[in-house]
Amino acid sequence: MPMPRCNHQSLVLLTPQDKKLRCRHCDLTIDEQELADGYCPECYEVYGVRRRDFEQLEPQDNGKAQYRCEECGIIIKW
């Protein structure tokens, strides 16, 4: 059965990502703005420990604009 074709008529511009941080202990990836009180919420919830050891991830957009089709969900880089 062939997949239906989409003409991508309903595009939404995706904004550049915020700074992403990854916990060095549990590998949770989170936006810097979502980080409550500077500690990993996953480590605190699971282990009861307030770990503040993160590595900063580099954005992977390479300076290209990204769009998402509202109809089929595909990401288009331009």
PDB file of N, CA and C in Angstrom:
ATOM      1  N   MET A   1       0.846  -1.183   0.000  1.00  0.00           N
ATOM      2  CA  MET A   1       0.000   0.000   0.000  1.00  0.00           C
ATOM      3  C   MET A   1       0.889   1.243   0.000  1.00  0.00           C
ATOM      4  N   PRO A   2       0.789   2.100  -1.022  1.00  0.00           N
ATOM      5  CA  PRO A   2       1.635   3.293  -1.090  1.00  0.00           C
ATOM      6  C   PRO A   2       1.232   4.322  -0.038  1.00  0.00           C
ATOM      7  N   MET A   3       2.253   5.072   0.426  1.00  0.00           N
ATOM      8  CA  MET A   3       1.991   6.131   1.401  1.00  0.00           C
ATOM      9  C   MET A   3       1.335   7.322   0.703  1.00  0.00           C
ATOM     10  N   PRO A   4       0.405   7.979   1.371  1.00  0.00           N
ATOM     11  CA  PRO A   4      -0.207   9.168   0.765  1.00  0.00           C
ATOM     12  C   PRO A   4       0.835  10.279   0.617  1.00  0.00           C
ATOM     13  N   ARG A   5       0.741  11.016  -0.444  1.00  0.00           N
ATOM     14  CA  ARG A   5       1.697  12.099  -0.709  1.00  0.00           C
ATOM     15  C   ARG A   5       1.243  13.373  -0.009  1.00  0.00           C
ATOM     16  N   CYS A   6       2.191  14.132   0.488  1.00  0.00           N
ATOM     17  CA  CYS A   6       1.897  15.395   1.152  1.00  0.00           C
ATOM     18  C   CYS A   6       2.598  16.509   0.384  1.00  0.00           C
ATOM     19  N   ASN A   7       1.890  17.596   0.138  1.00  0.00           N
ATOM     20  CA  ASN A   7       2.469  18.727  -0.577  1.00  0.00           C
ATOM     21  C   ASN A   7       3.112  19.747   0.353  1.00  0.00           C
ATOM     22  N   HIS A   8       3.086  19.474   1.657  1.00  0.00           N
ATOM     23  CA  HIS A   8       3.703  20.333   2.676  1.00  0.00           C
ATOM     24  C   HIS A   8       3.240  21.789   2.535  1.00  0.00           C
ATOM     25  N   GLN A   9       1.935  21.989   2.510  1.00  0.00           N
ATOM     26  CA  GLN A   9       1.357  23.321   2.360  1.00  0.00           C
ATOM     27  C   GLN A   9       1.221  24.062   3.689  1.00  0.00           C
ATOM     28  N   SER A  10       1.318  23.354   4.789  1.00  0.00           N
ATOM     29  CA  SER A  10       1.090  23.955   6.094  1.00  0.00           C
ATOM     30  C   SER A  10       2.367  23.831   6.938  1.00  0.00           C
ATOM     31  N   LEU A  11       3.333  24.746   6.704  1.00  0.00           N
ATOM     32  CA  LEU A  11       4.631  24.685   7.368  1.00  0.00           C
ATOM     33  C   LEU A  11       4.697  25.641   8.557  1.00  0.00           C
ATOM     34  N   VAL A  12       5.419  25.204   9.596  1.00  0.00           N
ATOM     35  CA  VAL A  12       5.645  26.021  10.786  1.00  0.00           C
ATOM     36  C   VAL A  12       7.149  26.161  10.964  1.00  0.00           C
ATOM     37  N   LEU A  13       7.630  27.390  11.121  1.00  0.00           N
ATOM     38  CA  LEU A  13       9.050  27.639  11.350  1.00  0.00           C
ATOM     39  C   LEU A  13       9.409  27.215  12.771  1.00  0.00           C
ATOM     40  N   LEU A  14      10.427  26.381  12.909  1.00  0.00           N
ATOM     41  CA  LEU A  14      10.890  25.942  14.224  1.00  0.00           C
ATOM     42  C   LEU A  14      11.976  26.892  14.694  1.00  0.00           C
ATOM     43  N   THR A  15      11.860  27.360  15.917  1.00  0.00           N
ATOM     44  CA  THR A  15      12.846  28.290  16.468  1.00  0.00           C
ATOM     45  C   THR A  15      14.096  27.530  16.885  1.00  0.00           C
ATOM     46  N   PRO A  16      15.248  28.211  16.908  1.00  0.00           N
ATOM     47  CA  PRO A  16      16.472  27.547  17.359  1.00  0.00           C
ATOM     48  C   PRO A  16      16.312  27.036  18.778  1.00  0.00           C
ATOM     49  N   GLN A  17      16.962  25.928  19.067  1.00  0.00           N
ATOM     50  CA  GLN A  17      16.850  25.310  20.380  1.00  0.00           C
ATOM     51  C   GLN A  17      17.574  26.127  21.437  1.00  0.00           C
ATOM     52  N   ASP A  18      17.036  26.075  22.657  1.00  0.00           N
ATOM     53  CA  ASP A  18      17.719  26.669  23.793  1.00  0.00           C
ATOM     54  C   ASP A  18      18.933  25.813  24.122  1.00  0.00           C
ATOM     55  N   LYS A  19      19.748  26.320  25.044  1.00  0.00           N
ATOM     56  CA  LYS A  19      20.884  25.531  25.490  1.00  0.00           C
ATOM     57  C   LYS A  19      20.382  24.244  26.118  1.00  0.00           C
ATOM     58  N   LYS A  20      20.937  23.140  25.670  1.00  0.00           N
ATOM     59  CA  LYS A  20      20.577  21.836  26.212  1.00  0.00           C
ATOM     60  C   LYS A  20      21.709  21.354  27.114  1.00  0.00           C
ATOM     61  N   LEU A  21      21.328  20.767  28.226  1.00  0.00           N
ATOM     62  CA  LEU A  21      22.278  20.195  29.162  1.00  0.00           C
ATOM     63  C   LEU A  21      21.965  18.717  29.337  1.00  0.00           C
ATOM     64  N   ARG A  22      23.020  17.909  29.541  1.00  0.00           N
ATOM     65  CA  ARG A  22      22.830  16.481  29.795  1.00  0.00           C
ATOM     66  C   ARG A  22      23.486  16.134  31.123  1.00  0.00           C
ATOM     67  N   CYS A  23      22.722  15.479  31.988  1.00  0.00           N
ATOM     68  CA  CYS A  23      23.228  15.049  33.288  1.00  0.00           C
ATOM     69  C   CYS A  23      24.297  13.980  33.068  1.00  0.00           C
ATOM     70  N   ARG A  24      25.433  14.122  33.703  1.00  0.00           N
ATOM     71  CA  ARG A  24      26.523  13.163  33.551  1.00  0.00           C
ATOM     72  C   ARG A  24      26.256  11.845  34.283  1.00  0.00           C
ATOM     73  N   HIS A  25      25.204  11.801  35.104  1.00  0.00           N
ATOM     74  CA  HIS A  25      24.901  10.591  35.869  1.00  0.00           C
ATOM     75  C   HIS A  25      23.773   9.780  35.248  1.00  0.00           C
ATOM     76  N   CYS A  26      22.644  10.431  34.913  1.00  0.00           N
ATOM     77  CA  CYS A  26      21.478   9.676  34.408  1.00  0.00           C
ATOM     78  C   CYS A  26      21.219   9.925  32.921  1.00  0.00           C
ATOM     79  N   ASP A  27      21.991  10.825  32.282  1.00  0.00           N
ATOM     80  CA  ASP A  27      21.871  11.153  30.852  1.00  0.00           C
ATOM     81  C   ASP A  27      20.583  11.884  30.485  1.00  0.00           C
ATOM     82  N   LEU A  28      19.868  12.441  31.459  1.00  0.00           N
ATOM     83  CA  LEU A  28      18.697  13.259  31.161  1.00  0.00           C
ATOM     84  C   LEU A  28      19.137  14.475  30.360  1.00  0.00           C
ATOM     85  N   THR A  29      18.441  14.767  29.262  1.00  0.00           N
ATOM     86  CA  THR A  29      18.697  15.963  28.470  1.00  0.00           C
ATOM     87  C   THR A  29      17.567  16.938  28.731  1.00  0.00           C
ATOM     88  N   ILE A  30      17.923  18.194  29.078  1.00  0.00           N
ATOM     89  CA  ILE A  30      16.940  19.180  29.507  1.00  0.00           C
ATOM     90  C   ILE A  30      17.374  20.566  29.053  1.00  0.00           C
ATOM     91  N   ASP A  31      16.398  21.440  28.767  1.00  0.00           N
ATOM     92  CA  ASP A  31      16.708  22.834  28.456  1.00  0.00           C
ATOM     93  C   ASP A  31      17.247  23.508  29.703  1.00  0.00           C
ATOM     94  N   GLU A  32      18.193  24.402  29.522  1.00  0.00           N
ATOM     95  CA  GLU A  32      18.775  25.118  30.655  1.00  0.00           C
ATOM     96  C   GLU A  32      17.706  25.899  31.426  1.00  0.00           C
ATOM     97  N   GLN A  33      16.717  26.429  30.709  1.00  0.00           N
ATOM     98  CA  GLN A  33      15.654  27.204  31.352  1.00  0.00           C
ATOM     99  C   GLN A  33      14.729  26.337  32.203  1.00  0.00           C
ATOM    100  N   GLU A  34      14.641  25.047  31.903  1.00  0.00           N
ATOM    101  CA  GLU A  34      13.765  24.140  32.646  1.00  0.00           C
ATOM    102  C   GLU A  34      14.429  23.584  33.898  1.00  0.00           C
ATOM    103  N   LEU A  35      15.709  23.864  34.069  1.00  0.00           N
ATOM    104  CA  LEU A  35      16.466  23.308  35.186  1.00  0.00           C
ATOM    105  C   LEU A  35      16.064  23.996  36.479  1.00  0.00           C
ATOM    106  N   ALA A  36      15.374  23.276  37.338  1.00  0.00           N
ATOM    107  CA  ALA A  36      14.875  23.840  38.593  1.00  0.00           C
ATOM    108  C   ALA A  36      15.981  23.859  39.645  1.00  0.00           C
ATOM    109  N   ASP A  37      16.269  25.012  40.165  1.00  0.00           N
ATOM    110  CA  ASP A  37      17.239  25.171  41.255  1.00  0.00           C
ATOM    111  C   ASP A  37      18.623  24.629  40.931  1.00  0.00           C
ATOM    112  N   GLY A  38      18.942  24.403  39.661  1.00  0.00           N
ATOM    113  CA  GLY A  38      20.278  24.013  39.265  1.00  0.00           C
ATOM    114  C   GLY A  38      20.636  22.552  39.439  1.00  0.00           C
ATOM    115  N   TYR A  39      19.710  21.706  39.849  1.00  0.00           N
ATOM    116  CA  TYR A  39      20.024  20.288  39.991  1.00  0.00           C
ATOM    117  C   TYR A  39      19.144  19.446  39.070  1.00  0.00           C
ATOM    118  N   CYS A  40      19.596  18.226  38.812  1.00  0.00           N
ATOM    119  CA  CYS A  40      18.892  17.317  37.898  1.00  0.00           C
ATOM    120  C   CYS A  40      17.609  16.807  38.546  1.00  0.00           C
ATOM    121  N   PRO A  41      16.449  17.081  37.949  1.00  0.00           N
ATOM    122  CA  PRO A  41      15.190  16.627  38.543  1.00  0.00           C
ATOM    123  C   PRO A  41      15.036  15.103  38.515  1.00  0.00           C
ATOM    124  N   GLU A  42      15.615  14.448  37.525  1.00  0.00           N
ATOM    125  CA  GLU A  42      15.525  12.989  37.420  1.00  0.00           C
ATOM    126  C   GLU A  42      16.318  12.312  38.541  1.00  0.00           C
ATOM    127  N   CYS A  43      17.543  12.753  38.762  1.00  0.00           N
ATOM    128  CA  CYS A  43      18.370  12.181  39.834  1.00  0.00           C
ATOM    129  C   CYS A  43      17.726  12.438  41.194  1.00  0.00           C
ATOM    130  N   TYR A  44      17.121  13.613  41.346  1.00  0.00           N
ATOM    131  CA  TYR A  44      16.489  13.926  42.625  1.00  0.00           C
ATOM    132  C   TYR A  44      15.254  13.047  42.857  1.00  0.00           C
ATOM    133  N   GLU A  45      14.451  12.859  41.800  1.00  0.00           N
ATOM    134  CA  GLU A  45      13.233  12.060  41.941  1.00  0.00           C
ATOM    135  C   GLU A  45      13.546  10.577  42.170  1.00  0.00           C
ATOM    136  N   VAL A  46      14.511  10.041  41.433  1.00  0.00           N
ATOM    137  CA  VAL A  46      14.810   8.611  41.501  1.00  0.00           C
ATOM    138  C   VAL A  46      15.716   8.259  42.681  1.00  0.00           C
ATOM    139  N   TYR A  47      16.787   9.069  42.883  1.00  0.00           N
ATOM    140  CA  TYR A  47      17.796   8.723  43.887  1.00  0.00           C
ATOM    141  C   TYR A  47      17.770   9.607  45.131  1.00  0.00           C
ATOM    142  N   GLY A  48      17.031  10.702  45.069  1.00  0.00           N
ATOM    143  CA  GLY A  48      16.998  11.624  46.205  1.00  0.00           C
ATOM    144  C   GLY A  48      18.257  12.447  46.348  1.00  0.00           C
ATOM    145  N   VAL A  49      19.051  12.560  45.264  1.00  0.00           N
ATOM    146  CA  VAL A  49      20.323  13.279  45.283  1.00  0.00           C
ATOM    147  C   VAL A  49      20.223  14.482  44.342  1.00  0.00           C
ATOM    148  N   ARG A  50      20.675  15.642  44.812  1.00  0.00           N
ATOM    149  CA  ARG A  50      20.663  16.863  43.988  1.00  0.00           C
ATOM    150  C   ARG A  50      21.992  17.000  43.264  1.00  0.00           C
ATOM    151  N   ARG A  51      22.066  16.393  42.094  1.00  0.00           N
ATOM    152  CA  ARG A  51      23.308  16.424  41.296  1.00  0.00           C
ATOM    153  C   ARG A  51      23.292  17.631  40.374  1.00  0.00           C
ATOM    154  N   ARG A  52      24.442  18.294  40.300  1.00  0.00           N
ATOM    155  CA  ARG A  52      24.586  19.508  39.485  1.00  0.00           C
ATOM    156  C   ARG A  52      25.689  19.355  38.444  1.00  0.00           C
ATOM    157  N   ASP A  53      25.970  18.139  38.045  1.00  0.00           N
ATOM    158  CA  ASP A  53      27.058  17.843  37.116  1.00  0.00           C
ATOM    159  C   ASP A  53      26.480  17.625  35.717  1.00  0.00           C
ATOM    160  N   PHE A  54      26.556  18.667  34.870  1.00  0.00           N
ATOM    161  CA  PHE A  54      25.977  18.634  33.531  1.00  0.00           C
ATOM    162  C   PHE A  54      27.040  18.920  32.480  1.00  0.00           C
ATOM    163  N   GLU A  55      26.795  18.414  31.273  1.00  0.00           N
ATOM    164  CA  GLU A  55      27.602  18.810  30.126  1.00  0.00           C
ATOM    165  C   GLU A  55      26.689  19.565  29.165  1.00  0.00           C
ATOM    166  N   GLN A  56      27.229  20.603  28.538  1.00  0.00           N
ATOM    167  CA  GLN A  56      26.439  21.409  27.606  1.00  0.00           C
ATOM    168  C   GLN A  56      26.512  20.787  26.229  1.00  0.00           C
ATOM    169  N   LEU A  57      25.357  20.629  25.595  1.00  0.00           N
ATOM    170  CA  LEU A  57      25.284  20.066  24.249  1.00  0.00           C
ATOM    171  C   LEU A  57      25.251  21.194  23.228  1.00  0.00           C
ATOM    172  N   GLU A  58      25.920  20.985  22.122  1.00  0.00           N
ATOM    173  CA  GLU A  58      25.956  21.982  21.052  1.00  0.00           C
ATOM    174  C   GLU A  58      24.711  21.857  20.183  1.00  0.00           C
ATOM    175  N   PRO A  59      24.114  22.979  19.772  1.00  0.00           N
ATOM    176  CA  PRO A  59      22.964  22.905  18.859  1.00  0.00           C
ATOM    177  C   PRO A  59      23.394  22.288  17.534  1.00  0.00           C
ATOM    178  N   GLN A  60      22.487  21.558  16.904  1.00  0.00           N
ATOM    179  CA  GLN A  60      22.813  20.838  15.677  1.00  0.00           C
ATOM    180  C   GLN A  60      22.080  21.390  14.462  1.00  0.00           C
ATOM    181  N   ASP A  61      21.773  22.681  14.461  1.00  0.00           N
ATOM    182  CA  ASP A  61      21.007  23.219  13.327  1.00  0.00           C
ATOM    183  C   ASP A  61      21.889  23.672  12.171  1.00  0.00           C
ATOM    184  N   ASN A  62      23.192  23.841  12.380  1.00  0.00           N
ATOM    185  CA  ASN A  62      24.152  24.224  11.339  1.00  0.00           C
ATOM    186  C   ASN A  62      23.748  25.505  10.610  1.00  0.00           C
ATOM    187  N   GLY A  63      23.024  26.395  11.259  1.00  0.00           N
ATOM    188  CA  GLY A  63      22.654  27.665  10.670  1.00  0.00           C
ATOM    189  C   GLY A  63      21.526  27.600   9.649  1.00  0.00           C
ATOM    190  N   LYS A  64      20.878  26.463   9.519  1.00  0.00           N
ATOM    191  CA  LYS A  64      19.790  26.318   8.549  1.00  0.00           C
ATOM    192  C   LYS A  64      18.454  26.491   9.250  1.00  0.00           C
ATOM    193  N   ALA A  65      17.511  27.096   8.533  1.00  0.00           N
ATOM    194  CA  ALA A  65      16.154  27.209   9.058  1.00  0.00           C
ATOM    195  C   ALA A  65      15.482  25.845   8.984  1.00  0.00           C
ATOM    196  N   GLN A  66      14.646  25.556   9.985  1.00  0.00           N
ATOM    197  CA  GLN A  66      13.927  24.288   9.993  1.00  0.00           C
ATOM    198  C   GLN A  66      12.429  24.554  10.041  1.00  0.00           C
ATOM    199  N   TYR A  67      11.702  23.781   9.259  1.00  0.00           N
ATOM    200  CA  TYR A  67      10.250  23.874   9.206  1.00  0.00           C
ATOM    201  C   TYR A  67       9.662  22.495   9.479  1.00  0.00           C
ATOM    202  N   ARG A  68       8.483  22.469  10.104  1.00  0.00           N
ATOM    203  CA  ARG A  68       7.763  21.214  10.317  1.00  0.00           C
ATOM    204  C   ARG A  68       6.429  21.313   9.589  1.00  0.00           C
ATOM    205  N   CYS A  69       6.114  20.279   8.823  1.00  0.00           N
ATOM    206  CA  CYS A  69       4.832  20.217   8.124  1.00  0.00           C
ATOM    207  C   CYS A  69       3.757  19.805   9.124  1.00  0.00           C
ATOM    208  N   GLU A  70       2.716  20.603   9.243  1.00  0.00           N
ATOM    209  CA  GLU A  70       1.614  20.308  10.161  1.00  0.00           C
ATOM    210  C   GLU A  70       0.794  19.104   9.709  1.00  0.00           C
ATOM    211  N   GLU A  71       0.833  18.787   8.428  1.00  0.00           N
ATOM    212  CA  GLU A  71       0.039  17.680   7.891  1.00  0.00           C
ATOM    213  C   GLU A  71       0.702  16.328   8.152  1.00  0.00           C
ATOM    214  N   CYS A  72       1.997  16.195   7.823  1.00  0.00           N
ATOM    215  CA  CYS A  72       2.641  14.884   7.919  1.00  0.00           C
ATOM    216  C   CYS A  72       3.722  14.806   8.994  1.00  0.00           C
ATOM    217  N   GLY A  73       4.171  15.970   9.539  1.00  0.00           N
ATOM    218  CA  GLY A  73       5.142  15.972  10.628  1.00  0.00           C
ATOM    219  C   GLY A  73       6.595  15.951  10.196  1.00  0.00           C
ATOM    220  N   ILE A  74       6.879  15.937   8.905  1.00  0.00           N
ATOM    221  CA  ILE A  74       8.258  15.888   8.441  1.00  0.00           C
ATOM    222  C   ILE A  74       8.982  17.206   8.794  1.00  0.00           C
ATOM    223  N   ILE A  75      10.289  17.103   9.089  1.00  0.00           N
ATOM    224  CA  ILE A  75      11.125  18.278   9.354  1.00  0.00           C
ATOM    225  C   ILE A  75      11.883  18.593   8.061  1.00  0.00           C
ATOM    226  N   ILE A  76      11.780  19.851   7.627  1.00  0.00           N
ATOM    227  CA  ILE A  76      12.456  20.289   6.400  1.00  0.00           C
ATOM    228  C   ILE A  76      13.506  21.326   6.777  1.00  0.00           C
ATOM    229  N   LYS A  77      14.755  21.093   6.363  1.00  0.00           N
ATOM    230  CA  LYS A  77      15.847  22.048   6.604  1.00  0.00           C
ATOM    231  C   LYS A  77      16.089  22.828   5.341  1.00  0.00           C
ATOM    232  N   TRP A  78      16.209  24.150   5.471  1.00  0.00           N
ATOM    233  CA  TRP A  78      16.372  25.000   4.308  1.00  0.00           C
ATOM    234  C   TRP A  78      17.580  25.869   4.461  1.00  0.00           C
TER     235      TRP A  78
END
